[in-house]
């Protein structure tokens, strides 16, 4: 913003406020005087009319004519005639109301509109007196009112609102016009003054712009005055000299920064193929923090190709095997990254991934399960392409666990991996191995099941089937394992609830009842491995019950 404009913004409001206050004071003083006179004159006429009406009634009473209707009507007519005589303008109307819809007396034709009747009737009933504002005949009017009891008339001396305040409005217009002229004159004077004050600064600015446009730091501004503007020009010349000396250093620093930026970008592009982008960003932002591990609750997924040794032996050309693996990994990894997961590593034909680090999300547990389901679904499309190419199909097992692990950069100075370690990682790996034992494509642990059930509101519908409680190799504590699906077939919709009910009976040692449930499941899903296996187990326990301390845990002897 230019200094000239700032002068306007500072001085002009002061001028306008000063003039405005003076004009406003004059306006209100004049308006109050004019309005007071108008009110007093209207009140004076009201008192005269009241006095005349009272005199007419006194004559009737003194002559004992108050009971004669003809004489009363003559008195009312006299009051009306007097009212006409004191009307001074065409817009002034004196009229009286007695509760009827139309005026009983009026000095000029006056038609009360339907919407005006109720307000006037309210004034009549309240016998409001003094100066009031009314609407009559479709016009807003100022009136002075009083109630004359002998005639039961509510008399109003009224004048159009615009006429009553005409002089006041004229004063307001003149005040506004005077204020506008004063402001215009002030603006003109301010323009001339501001221009005179800022002319030296304009010359300095023009000289500075010429130096900037030509990029000639050897140029200088002429010092024309020995005041503040001269000091400004001298200071600018000193600054230009310093900038000239620093310019060569700036160019060198910019060149070095551009080289480093290109180098960093190249490093990012190379390492994003091996390390997730989030980890690279965190390392560059805070390299020291990346050498520290931390304990976090994550979802860990392992997937493995079934019978991969047999598949690799059957594919004689190594190039075919590598091509199949690359296409398989590409589809599976895309699913994991699409659902905010991190691929930790490839372990031969297996994939290890996790959710919740380095950035966590509220739905990491859900996304891990949905990824596992998507990976299984995507395998169908992959196998279709394998068939067309005359190559063997892949079948996978997926195991997922949810729990606390240690996450961070682990390794040596020569080779480090951003990975997760801990018992819960091992348990996730065991879940993947158990998919073979329980002939399920996907298994999850009870901790993951609990997390999904805890945050189930608003999430996609998932169906769970409790398969067993197992203690994986090397562990004594049992863990419930579940299989998951996104949708169930008709028979499965009946069979899965029966199976889960059978598991409840099984853990309560109601083995015969549980066996009946699993028998029903087998009838709905003929040859279902888990139903048949649990039926046999329940039948054996029914004949030969387990010990009292039995907790339903099956101890696994292999990985």
Protein backbone atom coordinates (compact mmCIF):
# COMPACT_ATOMS: atom_id res chain seq x y z
CA UNK A 1 0.00 0.00 0.00
CA UNK A 2 1.40 3.39 -0.98
CA UNK A 3 2.26 6.02 1.64
CA UNK A 4 -0.11 8.39 -0.12
CA UNK A 5 -2.96 5.97 0.45
CA UNK A 6 -1.92 5.52 4.09
CA UNK A 7 -2.06 9.29 4.60
CA UNK A 8 -5.58 9.23 3.21
CA UNK A 9 -6.54 6.33 5.48
CA UNK A 10 -5.18 8.11 8.57
CA UNK A 11 -6.17 11.74 7.98
CA UNK A 12 -9.43 11.37 6.05
CA UNK A 13 -11.27 9.46 8.82
CA UNK A 14 -10.23 12.17 11.31
CA UNK A 15 -11.63 14.87 9.04
CA UNK A 16 -14.82 12.94 8.33
CA UNK A 17 -15.38 12.16 12.01
CA UNK A 18 -14.83 15.79 13.04
CA UNK A 19 -17.15 17.13 10.35
CA UNK A 20 -19.65 14.38 11.00
CA UNK A 21 -19.82 15.11 14.72
CA UNK A 22 -20.28 18.82 14.12
CA UNK A 23 -22.96 18.33 11.47
CA UNK A 24 -24.71 15.65 13.53
CA UNK A 25 -24.89 17.91 16.56
CA UNK A 26 -26.32 20.73 14.44
CA UNK A 27 -28.78 18.37 12.79
CA UNK A 28 -30.15 16.94 16.01
CA UNK A 29 -30.43 20.37 17.56
CA UNK A 30 -32.36 21.74 14.58
CA UNK A 31 -34.55 18.65 14.23
CA UNK A 32 -35.40 18.63 17.92
CA UNK A 33 -36.38 22.30 17.74
CA UNK A 34 -38.56 21.85 14.65
CA UNK A 35 -40.18 18.68 15.96
CA UNK A 36 -40.84 20.25 19.37
CA UNK A 37 -42.61 23.19 17.76
CA UNK A 38 -44.71 20.87 15.58
CA UNK A 39 -45.70 18.79 18.58
CA UNK A 40 -46.53 21.85 20.66
CA UNK A 41 -48.67 23.27 17.87
CA UNK A 42 -50.52 19.97 17.45
CA UNK A 43 -51.00 19.79 21.23
CA UNK A 44 -52.25 23.38 21.26
CA UNK A 45 -54.93 22.59 18.68
CA UNK A 46 -55.86 19.48 20.66
CA UNK A 47 -56.44 21.52 23.82
CA UNK A 48 -58.52 24.08 21.90
CA UNK A 49 -60.67 21.32 20.40
CA UNK A 50 -61.08 19.65 23.80
CA UNK A 51 -62.06 22.99 25.37
CA UNK A 52 -64.57 23.71 22.62
CA UNK A 53 -66.15 20.26 22.96
CA UNK A 54 -66.39 20.64 26.74
CA UNK A 55 -68.06 24.06 26.30
CA UNK A 56 -70.62 22.57 23.92
CA UNK A 57 -71.43 19.84 26.40
CA UNK A 58 -71.68 22.35 29.26
CA UNK A 59 -74.26 24.32 27.28
CA UNK A 60 -76.34 21.19 26.84
CA UNK A 61 -76.15 20.36 30.52
CA UNK A 62 -76.92 23.93 31.72
CA UNK A 63 -80.00 24.10 29.48
CA UNK A 64 -81.14 20.57 30.33
CA UNK A 65 -80.68 19.43 26.71
CA UNK A 66 -78.21 16.63 27.48
CA UNK A 67 -80.99 14.08 27.24
CA UNK A 68 -82.22 15.23 23.84
CA UNK A 69 -80.57 13.35 20.98
CA UNK A 70 -81.23 16.13 18.45
CA UNK A 71 -79.47 18.68 20.63
CA UNK A 72 -76.56 16.28 21.26
CA UNK A 73 -76.21 15.74 17.51
CA UNK A 74 -76.22 19.52 17.00
CA UNK A 75 -73.42 19.83 19.57
CA UNK A 76 -71.42 17.09 17.82
CA UNK A 77 -71.92 18.90 14.50
CA UNK A 78 -70.65 22.10 16.09
CA UNK A 79 -67.55 20.30 17.33
CA UNK A 80 -66.99 18.90 13.83
CA UNK A 81 -67.35 22.36 12.30
CA UNK A 82 -64.88 23.76 14.79
CA UNK A 83 -62.47 20.97 13.97
CA UNK A 84 -62.72 21.85 10.29
CA UNK A 85 -61.95 25.46 11.13
CA UNK A 86 -58.67 24.67 12.84
CA UNK A 87 -57.37 22.41 10.04
CA UNK A 88 -54.54 24.29 8.31
CA UNK A 89 -53.46 21.91 5.51
CA UNK A 90 -54.98 19.57 2.97
CA UNK A 91 -53.17 16.62 4.51
CA UNK A 92 -54.33 17.25 8.08
CA UNK A 93 -57.38 15.25 9.21
CA UNK A 94 -59.24 15.40 12.53
CA UNK A 95 -61.50 12.41 13.10
CA UNK A 96 -63.26 10.59 15.92
CA UNK A 97 -63.96 6.92 16.64
CA UNK A 98 -66.62 5.42 18.86
CA UNK A 99 -66.06 1.69 18.27
CA UNK A 100 -67.67 1.50 14.82
CA UNK A 101 -65.66 0.48 11.77
CA UNK A 102 -65.89 3.98 10.23
CA UNK A 103 -65.11 7.37 11.83
CA UNK A 104 -68.13 9.05 13.39
CA UNK A 105 -66.61 12.45 12.65
CA UNK A 106 -63.95 13.48 10.14
CA UNK A 107 -62.82 16.79 8.66
CA UNK A 108 -62.00 15.07 5.34
CA UNK A 109 -63.00 11.83 3.62
CA UNK A 110 -61.23 8.96 5.40
CA UNK A 111 -61.73 5.26 4.72
CA UNK A 112 -60.39 2.93 7.39
CA UNK A 113 -59.00 -0.22 5.74
CA UNK A 114 -59.70 -3.67 7.21
CA UNK A 115 -56.12 -4.20 8.37
CA UNK A 116 -56.16 -0.79 10.12
CA UNK A 117 -59.29 -1.36 12.18
CA UNK A 118 -57.85 -3.63 14.86
CA UNK A 119 -54.92 -1.30 15.81
CA UNK A 120 -57.27 1.72 15.96
CA UNK A 121 -59.78 -0.24 18.03
CA UNK A 122 -57.00 -1.15 20.46
CA UNK A 123 -56.09 2.53 20.85
CA UNK A 124 -59.75 3.36 21.44
CA UNK A 125 -60.22 0.66 24.07
CA UNK A 126 -57.01 1.69 25.88
CA UNK A 127 -57.99 5.40 25.56
CA UNK A 128 -54.37 6.21 24.62
CA UNK A 129 -53.69 9.92 24.81
CA UNK A 130 -50.87 12.17 23.70
CA UNK A 131 -48.72 11.92 20.56
CA UNK A 132 -48.92 8.57 18.77
CA UNK A 133 -48.17 7.09 15.32
CA UNK A 134 -51.05 5.41 13.46
CA UNK A 135 -51.94 4.10 10.01
CA UNK A 136 -55.24 5.36 8.60
CA UNK A 137 -56.50 5.46 5.04
CA UNK A 138 -53.40 3.58 3.89
CA UNK A 139 -51.06 6.33 5.16
CA UNK A 140 -48.74 6.57 8.10
CA UNK A 141 -49.75 9.53 10.25
CA UNK A 142 -48.65 11.31 13.43
CA UNK A 143 -51.62 12.01 15.71
CA UNK A 144 -52.41 13.70 19.01
CA UNK A 145 -55.30 11.84 20.65
CA UNK A 146 -57.69 12.27 23.59
CA UNK A 147 -60.90 10.62 24.73
CA UNK A 148 -64.01 12.81 25.12
CA UNK A 149 -66.28 10.97 27.51
CA UNK A 150 -69.61 12.82 27.03
CA UNK A 151 -69.74 11.88 23.31
CA UNK A 152 -67.75 8.64 23.89
CA UNK A 153 -65.51 9.82 21.10
CA UNK A 154 -61.84 8.96 20.69
CA UNK A 155 -60.63 12.08 18.84
CA UNK A 156 -57.39 12.11 16.83
CA UNK A 157 -55.79 15.21 15.31
CA UNK A 158 -53.55 13.71 12.62
CA UNK A 159 -51.05 14.81 10.02
CA UNK A 160 -49.18 12.79 7.40
CA UNK A 161 -45.91 11.50 8.76
CA UNK A 162 -43.96 12.97 5.84
CA UNK A 163 -45.59 16.38 6.26
CA UNK A 164 -45.15 16.41 10.04
CA UNK A 165 -41.40 15.67 9.70
CA UNK A 166 -40.95 17.58 6.43
CA UNK A 167 -38.84 20.36 7.94
CA UNK A 168 -36.78 17.83 9.88
CA UNK A 169 -36.14 15.81 6.70
CA UNK A 170 -35.16 18.98 4.85
CA UNK A 171 -32.65 19.77 7.56
CA UNK A 172 -31.28 16.20 7.31
CA UNK A 173 -30.82 16.55 3.55
CA UNK A 174 -29.07 19.88 3.91
CA UNK A 175 -26.83 18.46 6.64
CA UNK A 176 -25.86 15.46 4.46
CA UNK A 177 -25.19 17.75 1.48
CA UNK A 178 -23.02 20.03 3.58
CA UNK A 179 -21.09 17.06 4.97
CA UNK A 180 -20.55 15.61 1.47
CA UNK A 181 -19.22 18.93 0.14
CA UNK A 182 -16.92 19.25 3.15
CA UNK A 183 -15.58 15.72 2.60
CA UNK A 184 -14.96 16.38 -1.12
CA UNK A 185 -13.05 19.57 -0.34
CA UNK A 186 -11.05 17.71 2.33
CA UNK A 187 -10.19 14.90 -0.13
CA UNK A 188 -8.92 17.38 -2.71
CA UNK A 189 -6.76 19.17 -0.15
CA UNK A 190 -5.44 15.83 1.15
CA UNK A 191 -4.52 14.71 -2.38
CA UNK A 192 -2.51 17.86 -2.98
CA UNK A 193 -0.79 17.63 0.42
CA UNK A 194 -0.01 13.90 0.14
CA UNK A 195 1.36 14.32 -3.36
CA UNK A 196 3.70 17.07 -2.18
CA UNK A 197 4.89 14.98 0.78
CA UNK A 198 5.50 11.76 -1.16
CA UNK A 199 7.10 13.17 -4.32
CA UNK A 200 10.69 12.66 -2.99
CA UNK A 201 9.87 9.07 -2.03
CA UNK A 202 8.49 8.38 -5.52
CA UNK A 203 11.77 9.46 -7.03
CA UNK A 204 13.71 7.09 -4.77
CA UNK A 205 11.34 4.20 -5.58
CA UNK A 206 11.68 4.78 -9.33
CA UNK A 207 15.46 4.71 -9.02
CA UNK A 208 15.27 1.47 -7.00
CA UNK A 209 12.98 -0.15 -9.59
CA UNK A 210 15.42 0.75 -12.35
CA UNK A 211 18.24 -0.97 -10.44
CA UNK A 212 16.09 -4.08 -9.88
CA UNK A 213 14.87 -4.30 -13.51
CA UNK A 214 18.39 -4.02 -14.91
CA UNK A 215 19.84 -6.30 -12.17
CA UNK A 216 22.69 -3.81 -11.96
CA UNK A 217 23.83 -3.81 -8.36
CA UNK A 218 26.54 -1.28 -9.23
CA UNK A 219 23.92 1.47 -9.71
CA UNK A 220 23.11 3.89 -6.90
CA UNK A 221 20.22 6.18 -5.90
CA UNK A 222 20.83 9.95 -6.01
CA UNK A 223 20.74 11.61 -2.57
CA UNK A 224 18.76 14.81 -3.26
CA UNK A 225 17.67 15.90 0.24
CA UNK A 226 19.24 16.15 3.67
CA UNK A 227 16.16 14.88 5.48
CA UNK A 228 14.70 11.43 6.21
CA UNK A 229 14.32 10.68 2.48
CA UNK A 230 18.03 11.49 1.97
CA UNK A 231 18.97 9.12 4.79
CA UNK A 232 16.75 6.45 3.18
CA UNK A 233 18.55 6.83 -0.17
CA UNK A 234 21.97 6.65 1.50
CA UNK A 235 20.98 3.51 3.45
CA UNK A 236 19.68 1.89 0.26
CA UNK A 237 23.02 2.53 -1.46
CA UNK A 238 24.84 0.83 1.43
CA UNK A 239 22.48 -2.15 1.23
CA UNK A 240 23.00 -2.52 -2.53
CA UNK A 241 26.75 -2.63 -1.98
CA UNK A 242 26.38 -5.47 0.54
CA UNK A 243 24.00 -7.36 -1.74
CA UNK A 244 26.45 -7.08 -4.60
CA UNK A 245 29.12 -8.75 -2.49
CA UNK A 246 26.72 -11.44 -1.28
CA UNK A 247 25.23 -12.17 -4.70
CA UNK A 248 28.12 -14.33 -5.84
CA UNK A 249 27.90 -16.41 -2.64
CA UNK A 250 24.13 -16.84 -3.07
CA UNK A 251 24.57 -18.12 -6.62
CA UNK A 252 27.16 -20.62 -5.44
CA UNK A 253 24.94 -21.85 -2.59
CA UNK A 254 21.95 -22.17 -4.95
CA UNK A 255 24.00 -24.22 -7.38
CA UNK A 256 25.18 -26.55 -4.59
CA UNK A 257 21.61 -26.91 -3.25
CA UNK A 258 20.29 -27.82 -6.70
CA UNK A 259 22.93 -30.53 -7.04
CA UNK A 260 22.09 -31.93 -3.59
CA UNK A 261 18.36 -31.87 -4.37
CA UNK A 262 18.89 -33.90 -7.54
CA UNK A 263 21.09 -36.33 -5.64
CA UNK A 264 18.47 -36.77 -2.91
CA UNK A 265 15.74 -37.33 -5.49
CA UNK A 266 17.82 -39.99 -7.23
CA UNK A 267 18.46 -41.74 -3.89
CA UNK A 268 14.75 -41.66 -3.09
CA UNK A 269 13.84 -43.20 -6.44
CA UNK A 270 16.39 -45.99 -5.97
CA UNK A 271 15.54 -46.90 -2.37
CA UNK A 272 11.73 -46.68 -2.73
CA UNK A 273 11.98 -49.99 -4.56
CA UNK A 274 13.37 -51.56 -1.37
CA UNK A 275 12.09 -49.39 1.51
CA UNK A 276 8.58 -47.83 1.90
CA UNK A 277 8.31 -44.17 1.04
CA UNK A 278 7.10 -43.21 4.57
CA UNK A 279 10.24 -44.71 6.10
CA UNK A 280 12.53 -42.83 3.71
CA UNK A 281 10.73 -39.56 4.49
CA UNK A 282 11.06 -40.14 8.24
CA UNK A 283 14.74 -41.02 7.91
CA UNK A 284 15.54 -37.86 5.92
CA UNK A 285 13.52 -35.70 8.34
CA UNK A 286 15.12 -37.19 11.48
CA UNK A 287 18.00 -39.60 10.75
CA UNK A 288 18.94 -40.12 14.43
CA UNK A 289 15.43 -41.26 15.41
CA UNK A 290 15.46 -44.06 12.83
CA UNK A 291 18.21 -45.89 14.73
CA UNK A 292 15.91 -46.32 17.73
CA UNK A 293 13.34 -49.09 18.08
CA UNK A 294 9.91 -48.72 19.68
CA UNK A 295 7.18 -51.01 20.91
CA UNK A 296 3.92 -50.63 19.00
CA UNK A 297 0.73 -52.58 18.50
CA UNK A 298 0.60 -53.76 14.89
CA UNK A 299 -1.23 -56.18 12.63
CA UNK A 300 1.26 -58.67 11.12
CA UNK A 301 0.46 -60.74 8.03
CA UNK A 302 2.25 -63.75 6.56
CA UNK A 303 1.26 -65.38 3.27
CA UNK A 304 2.85 -68.40 1.63
CA UNK A 305 2.40 -70.33 -1.61
CA UNK A 306 1.32 -73.92 -1.03
CA UNK A 307 3.63 -76.60 -2.46
CA UNK A 308 5.98 -74.07 -4.00
CA UNK A 309 8.86 -76.57 -4.08
CA UNK A 310 6.78 -78.89 -6.26
CA UNK A 311 5.77 -75.93 -8.47
CA UNK A 312 9.35 -74.77 -8.94
CA UNK A 313 10.53 -78.31 -9.76
CA UNK A 314 7.78 -78.61 -12.37
CA UNK A 315 8.79 -75.38 -14.13
CA UNK A 316 12.02 -76.31 -15.89
CA UNK A 317 12.79 -72.82 -17.21
CA UNK A 318 13.87 -70.53 -14.32
CA UNK A 319 12.73 -67.52 -16.35
CA UNK A 320 9.14 -68.84 -16.29
CA UNK A 321 9.31 -69.29 -12.54
CA UNK A 322 10.67 -65.78 -11.98
CA UNK A 323 8.04 -64.31 -14.33
CA UNK A 324 5.22 -66.08 -12.47
CA UNK A 325 6.57 -64.98 -9.08
CA UNK A 326 6.98 -61.36 -10.21
CA UNK A 327 3.42 -61.19 -11.51
CA UNK A 328 2.12 -62.86 -8.33
CA UNK A 329 4.08 -60.54 -6.02
CA UNK A 330 3.08 -57.46 -8.02
CA UNK A 331 -0.64 -58.09 -7.55
CA UNK A 332 -0.32 -59.10 -3.89
CA UNK A 333 1.93 -56.20 -2.91
CA UNK A 334 -0.29 -53.65 -4.67
CA UNK A 335 -3.18 -54.83 -2.48
CA UNK A 336 -1.12 -54.41 0.70
CA UNK A 337 0.04 -50.90 -0.18
CA UNK A 338 -3.43 -49.90 -1.33
CA UNK A 339 -4.69 -50.72 2.17
CA UNK A 340 -1.94 -48.73 3.97
CA UNK A 341 0.24 -51.75 4.71
CA UNK A 342 4.02 -52.08 4.60
CA UNK A 343 5.73 -55.04 2.92
CA UNK A 344 8.45 -56.00 5.39
CA UNK A 345 10.24 -58.60 3.31
CA UNK A 346 9.98 -61.54 0.92
CA UNK A 347 10.94 -64.84 2.52
CA UNK A 348 11.41 -67.01 -0.54
CA UNK A 349 7.87 -67.31 -1.89
CA UNK A 350 6.33 -65.89 1.32
CA UNK A 351 5.31 -62.28 2.01
CA UNK A 352 5.59 -60.61 5.40
CA UNK A 353 3.68 -57.33 5.87
CA UNK A 354 2.45 -55.19 8.75
CA UNK A 355 0.04 -52.35 9.50
CA UNK A 356 0.49 -49.57 12.08
CA UNK A 357 4.07 -48.39 11.44
CA UNK A 358 5.72 -46.07 10.67
CA UNK A 359 2.31 -44.30 10.48
CA UNK A 360 -0.68 -45.79 12.25
CA UNK A 361 -4.34 -45.55 11.25
CA UNK A 362 -7.51 -46.19 13.28
CA UNK A 363 -8.51 -49.09 11.01
CA UNK A 364 -5.16 -50.88 10.67
CA UNK A 365 -6.60 -54.14 12.07
CA UNK A 366 -9.50 -54.09 9.61
CA UNK A 367 -7.28 -53.17 6.66
CA UNK A 368 -4.97 -56.11 7.38
CA UNK A 369 -7.89 -58.59 7.23
CA UNK A 370 -9.37 -56.95 4.12
CA UNK A 371 -5.93 -57.17 2.51
CA UNK A 372 -5.76 -60.89 3.26
CA UNK A 373 -9.22 -61.41 1.74
CA UNK A 374 -8.30 -59.29 -1.30
CA UNK A 375 -5.09 -61.29 -1.78
CA UNK A 376 -7.08 -64.53 -1.82
CA UNK A 377 -9.65 -63.05 -4.23
CA UNK A 378 -6.93 -61.67 -6.51
CA UNK A 379 -5.37 -65.12 -6.75
CA UNK A 380 -8.31 -66.29 -8.89
CA UNK A 381 -7.47 -63.75 -11.61
CA UNK A 382 -3.78 -64.62 -11.38
CA UNK A 383 -4.55 -68.34 -11.81
CA UNK A 384 -6.67 -67.60 -14.87
CA UNK A 385 -3.65 -65.99 -16.50
CA UNK A 386 -1.51 -68.95 -15.42
CA UNK A 387 -3.92 -71.32 -17.18
CA UNK A 388 -3.77 -69.29 -20.39
CA UNK A 389 0.04 -69.38 -20.25
CA UNK A 390 0.07 -73.10 -19.55
CA UNK A 391 1.68 -72.61 -16.14
CA UNK A 392 0.73 -74.15 -12.78
CA UNK A 393 -1.76 -72.43 -10.49
CA UNK A 394 -0.79 -70.98 -7.10
CA UNK A 395 -2.62 -71.60 -3.83
CA UNK A 396 -1.83 -69.60 -0.71
CA UNK A 397 -2.45 -69.52 3.00
CA UNK A 398 -2.68 -66.25 4.95
CA UNK A 399 -2.16 -65.84 8.71
CA UNK A 400 -2.65 -62.56 10.60
CA UNK A 401 -1.99 -61.63 14.22
CA UNK A 402 -2.49 -58.37 16.17
CA UNK A 403 -0.33 -57.40 19.13
CA UNK A 404 2.67 -55.56 20.51
CA UNK A 405 5.98 -55.91 18.68
CA UNK A 406 9.28 -54.07 18.46
CA UNK A 407 9.63 -52.02 15.28
CA UNK A 408 12.62 -50.11 13.95
CA UNK A 409 15.81 -50.27 11.94
CA UNK A 410 17.52 -53.50 12.92
CA UNK A 411 20.88 -54.71 11.65
CA UNK A 412 24.42 -53.39 11.39
CA UNK A 413 25.97 -50.28 9.94
CA UNK A 414 26.59 -52.18 6.71
CA UNK A 415 23.07 -53.59 6.31
CA UNK A 416 19.88 -52.56 8.11
CA UNK A 417 16.22 -53.42 7.68
CA UNK A 418 13.15 -51.55 8.90
CA UNK A 419 11.32 -54.54 10.35
CA UNK A 420 9.33 -55.92 13.28
CA UNK A 421 10.35 -58.60 15.76
CA UNK A 422 8.79 -60.30 18.76
CA UNK A 423 6.56 -63.19 19.86
CA UNK A 424 3.54 -61.73 18.06
CA UNK A 425 5.48 -61.82 14.78
CA UNK A 426 6.24 -65.48 15.35
CA UNK A 427 2.59 -66.13 16.19
CA UNK A 428 1.50 -64.54 12.89
CA UNK A 429 3.92 -66.84 11.06
CA UNK A 430 2.47 -69.84 12.95
CA UNK A 431 -1.03 -68.79 11.90
CA UNK A 432 0.01 -68.97 8.28
CA UNK A 433 1.44 -72.47 8.92
CA UNK A 434 -1.80 -73.58 10.61
CA UNK A 435 -3.79 -72.80 7.47
CA UNK A 436 -2.50 -76.13 6.15
CA UNK A 437 -3.51 -78.00 9.29
CA UNK A 438 -7.01 -76.54 9.38
CA UNK A 439 -7.36 -76.41 5.58
CA UNK A 440 -8.34 -72.72 5.67
CA UNK A 441 -7.15 -70.01 3.32
CA UNK A 442 -7.10 -67.35 6.06
CA UNK A 443 -6.61 -67.60 9.83
CA UNK A 444 -6.57 -64.81 12.41
CA UNK A 445 -5.85 -64.80 16.13
CA UNK A 446 -8.29 -63.99 18.91
CA UNK A 447 -6.53 -60.66 19.61
CA UNK A 448 -7.22 -59.53 16.05
CA UNK A 449 -10.77 -60.87 16.27
CA UNK A 450 -11.31 -58.87 19.47
CA UNK A 451 -9.99 -55.69 17.88
CA UNK A 452 -12.28 -56.11 14.87
CA UNK A 453 -15.31 -56.74 17.07
CA UNK A 454 -14.44 -53.74 19.27
CA UNK A 455 -14.41 -51.38 16.26
CA UNK A 456 -17.10 -53.07 14.18
CA UNK A 457 -19.48 -50.08 13.86
CA UNK A 458 -19.65 -48.67 10.34
CA UNK A 459 -17.22 -51.27 8.93
CA UNK A 460 -17.84 -53.81 6.14
CA UNK A 461 -19.65 -56.95 7.30
CA UNK A 462 -17.27 -59.81 8.10
CA UNK A 463 -18.20 -63.34 9.14
CA UNK A 464 -16.09 -65.29 11.63
CA UNK A 465 -15.83 -69.01 12.37
CA UNK A 466 -14.01 -70.18 15.50
CA UNK A 467 -11.96 -73.23 14.52
CA UNK A 468 -9.98 -74.17 17.63
CA UNK A 469 -7.78 -73.10 20.53
CA UNK A 470 -4.15 -73.99 19.84
CA UNK A 471 -0.79 -73.66 21.51
CA UNK A 472 1.71 -73.22 18.73
CA UNK A 473 5.03 -75.02 18.87
CA UNK A 474 7.19 -73.70 21.68
CA UNK A 475 4.26 -72.11 23.57
CA UNK A 476 2.02 -73.38 26.37
CA UNK A 477 -0.67 -70.69 26.30
CA UNK A 478 -3.57 -71.39 23.97
CA UNK A 479 -4.83 -68.94 21.36
CA UNK A 480 -8.26 -69.08 19.71
CA UNK A 481 -8.05 -69.07 15.93
CA UNK A 482 -10.73 -67.92 13.49
CA UNK A 483 -11.28 -68.02 9.79
CA UNK A 484 -12.93 -65.00 8.11
CA UNK A 485 -15.04 -64.37 5.04
CA UNK A 486 -16.66 -61.33 3.49
CA UNK A 487 -19.73 -63.23 2.37
CA UNK A 488 -21.25 -66.66 2.99
CA UNK A 489 -23.04 -69.07 0.69
CA UNK A 490 -26.56 -70.24 1.52
CA UNK A 491 -25.42 -73.39 3.36
CA UNK A 492 -22.64 -71.47 5.13
CA UNK A 493 -25.11 -68.91 6.48
CA UNK A 494 -26.74 -71.75 8.43
CA UNK A 495 -23.63 -73.81 9.10
CA UNK A 496 -21.28 -71.16 10.56
CA UNK A 497 -23.61 -70.10 13.44
CA UNK A 498 -24.16 -73.81 14.22
CA UNK A 499 -20.40 -74.38 14.22
CA UNK A 500 -19.78 -71.43 16.62
CA UNK A 501 -22.57 -72.68 18.89
CA UNK A 502 -20.93 -76.11 18.83
CA UNK A 503 -17.63 -74.54 19.91
CA UNK A 504 -19.31 -72.93 22.91
CA UNK A 505 -20.72 -76.32 23.95
CA UNK A 506 -17.31 -77.91 23.35
CA UNK A 507 -15.54 -75.50 25.72
CA UNK A 508 -18.27 -76.11 28.33
CA UNK A 509 -17.45 -79.86 28.09
CA UNK A 510 -20.93 -80.58 26.67
CA UNK A 511 -19.32 -82.93 24.16
CA UNK A 512 -22.40 -84.90 23.08
CA UNK A 513 -24.42 -81.75 22.37
CA UNK A 514 -21.42 -80.21 20.60
CA UNK A 515 -21.00 -83.34 18.48
CA UNK A 516 -24.64 -83.00 17.34
CA UNK A 517 -23.97 -79.41 16.27
CA UNK A 518 -20.91 -80.42 14.24
CA UNK A 519 -22.90 -83.26 12.70
CA UNK A 520 -25.48 -80.71 11.52
CA UNK A 521 -22.67 -78.57 10.09
CA UNK A 522 -21.31 -81.57 8.18
CA UNK A 523 -24.78 -82.24 6.79
CA UNK A 524 -24.92 -78.64 5.48
CA UNK A 525 -21.29 -78.63 4.32
CA UNK A 526 -20.52 -82.25 3.34
CA UNK A 527 -16.88 -83.19 3.92
CA UNK A 528 -16.09 -79.98 5.85
CA UNK A 529 -12.73 -80.80 7.44
CA UNK A 530 -13.14 -78.81 10.64
CA UNK A 531 -16.69 -80.02 11.30
CA UNK A 532 -15.63 -83.66 10.78
CA UNK A 533 -12.48 -83.22 12.89
CA UNK A 534 -14.36 -81.60 15.78
CA UNK A 535 -17.15 -84.18 15.59
CA UNK A 536 -14.60 -86.96 16.00
CA UNK A 537 -12.88 -85.11 18.84
CA UNK A 538 -16.18 -84.52 20.68
CA UNK A 539 -17.23 -88.14 20.19
CA UNK A 540 -13.91 -89.31 21.65
CA UNK A 541 -14.18 -86.92 24.60
CA UNK A 542 -17.78 -88.00 25.22
CA UNK A 543 -16.58 -91.60 25.63
CA UNK A 544 -13.34 -90.74 27.37
CA UNK A 545 -13.62 -87.28 29.02
CA UNK A 546 -10.45 -85.18 29.34
CA UNK A 547 -9.03 -84.35 32.80
CA UNK A 548 -10.66 -81.72 35.02
CA UNK A 549 -8.00 -79.13 34.23
CA UNK A 550 -8.64 -79.48 30.48
CA UNK A 551 -8.92 -76.02 28.83
CA UNK A 552 -9.63 -76.99 25.23
CA UNK A 553 -6.11 -76.19 24.01
CA UNK A 554 -4.65 -78.30 21.23
CA UNK A 555 -0.84 -78.32 21.40
CA UNK A 556 0.81 -78.14 17.99
CA UNK A 557 3.91 -80.32 17.60
CA UNK A 558 5.03 -78.77 14.31
CA UNK A 559 5.27 -75.29 12.82
